[in-house]
């Protein structure tokens, strides 16, 4: 009885998890690019980092 209830729920959860993978991949690429902006500007002053983030934001549409 429990198997009849648990198996469909598990399959549903697996489908939901798999359906979010493209969004996760896109977010991962976005975070990689954002981190690169910070790393490039690590030795720079605050104004330089801010300009880098503004360029990044403009290029991603966020």
Protein backbone atom coordinates (compact mmCIF):
# COMPACT_ATOMS: atom_id res chain seq x y z
CA UNK A 1 0.00 0.00 0.00
CA UNK A 2 2.72 2.45 0.96
CA UNK A 3 4.59 1.73 -2.26
CA UNK A 4 1.55 2.75 -4.29
CA UNK A 5 1.50 6.11 -2.55
CA UNK A 6 5.22 6.80 -2.31
CA UNK A 7 6.33 5.81 -5.82
CA UNK A 8 4.08 8.30 -7.70
CA UNK A 9 5.05 11.05 -5.28
CA UNK A 10 8.75 10.29 -5.78
CA UNK A 11 8.37 10.27 -9.57
CA UNK A 12 6.56 13.60 -9.42
CA UNK A 13 9.32 15.09 -7.28
CA UNK A 14 11.98 13.77 -9.67
CA UNK A 15 10.16 15.31 -12.64
CA UNK A 16 9.94 18.66 -10.86
CA UNK A 17 13.64 18.54 -9.99
CA UNK A 18 14.61 17.72 -13.56
CA UNK A 19 12.39 20.48 -14.91
CA UNK A 20 14.37 23.09 -12.95
CA UNK A 21 17.78 22.06 -14.33
CA UNK A 22 17.73 24.52 -17.26
CA UNK A 23 16.97 27.38 -14.86
CA UNK A 24 19.75 26.22 -12.56
CA UNK A 25 22.20 26.09 -15.46
CA UNK A 26 21.27 29.64 -16.53
CA UNK A 27 21.66 30.91 -12.95
CA UNK A 28 25.01 29.17 -12.69
CA UNK A 29 26.30 30.87 -15.84
CA UNK A 30 25.05 34.22 -14.54
CA UNK A 31 26.80 33.75 -11.19
CA UNK A 32 30.02 32.74 -12.94
CA UNK A 33 29.98 35.94 -14.96
CA UNK A 34 29.17 38.04 -11.87
CA UNK A 35 32.02 36.43 -9.92
CA UNK A 36 34.40 37.21 -12.78
CA UNK A 37 33.47 40.89 -12.51
CA UNK A 38 34.33 40.86 -8.81
CA UNK A 39 37.57 38.95 -9.32
CA UNK A 40 38.72 41.28 -12.11
CA UNK A 41 38.01 44.30 -9.93
CA UNK A 42 39.40 42.82 -6.70
CA UNK A 43 42.38 45.16 -6.64
CA UNK A 44 40.42 48.11 -7.99
CA UNK A 45 38.62 50.76 -6.07
CA UNK A 46 34.89 50.77 -5.39
CA UNK A 47 34.03 52.95 -8.42
CA UNK A 48 35.72 50.54 -10.82
CA UNK A 49 33.86 47.55 -9.35
CA UNK A 50 30.59 49.46 -9.54
CA UNK A 51 31.14 50.27 -13.24
CA UNK A 52 31.95 46.60 -13.87
CA UNK A 53 28.75 45.51 -12.17
CA UNK A 54 26.75 48.08 -14.12
CA UNK A 55 28.21 46.75 -17.38
CA UNK A 56 27.41 43.20 -16.28
CA UNK A 57 23.87 44.16 -15.31
CA UNK A 58 23.30 45.92 -18.61
CA UNK A 59 24.61 42.93 -20.58
CA UNK A 60 22.34 40.47 -18.77
CA UNK A 61 19.23 42.61 -18.69
CA UNK A 62 18.93 42.41 -14.91
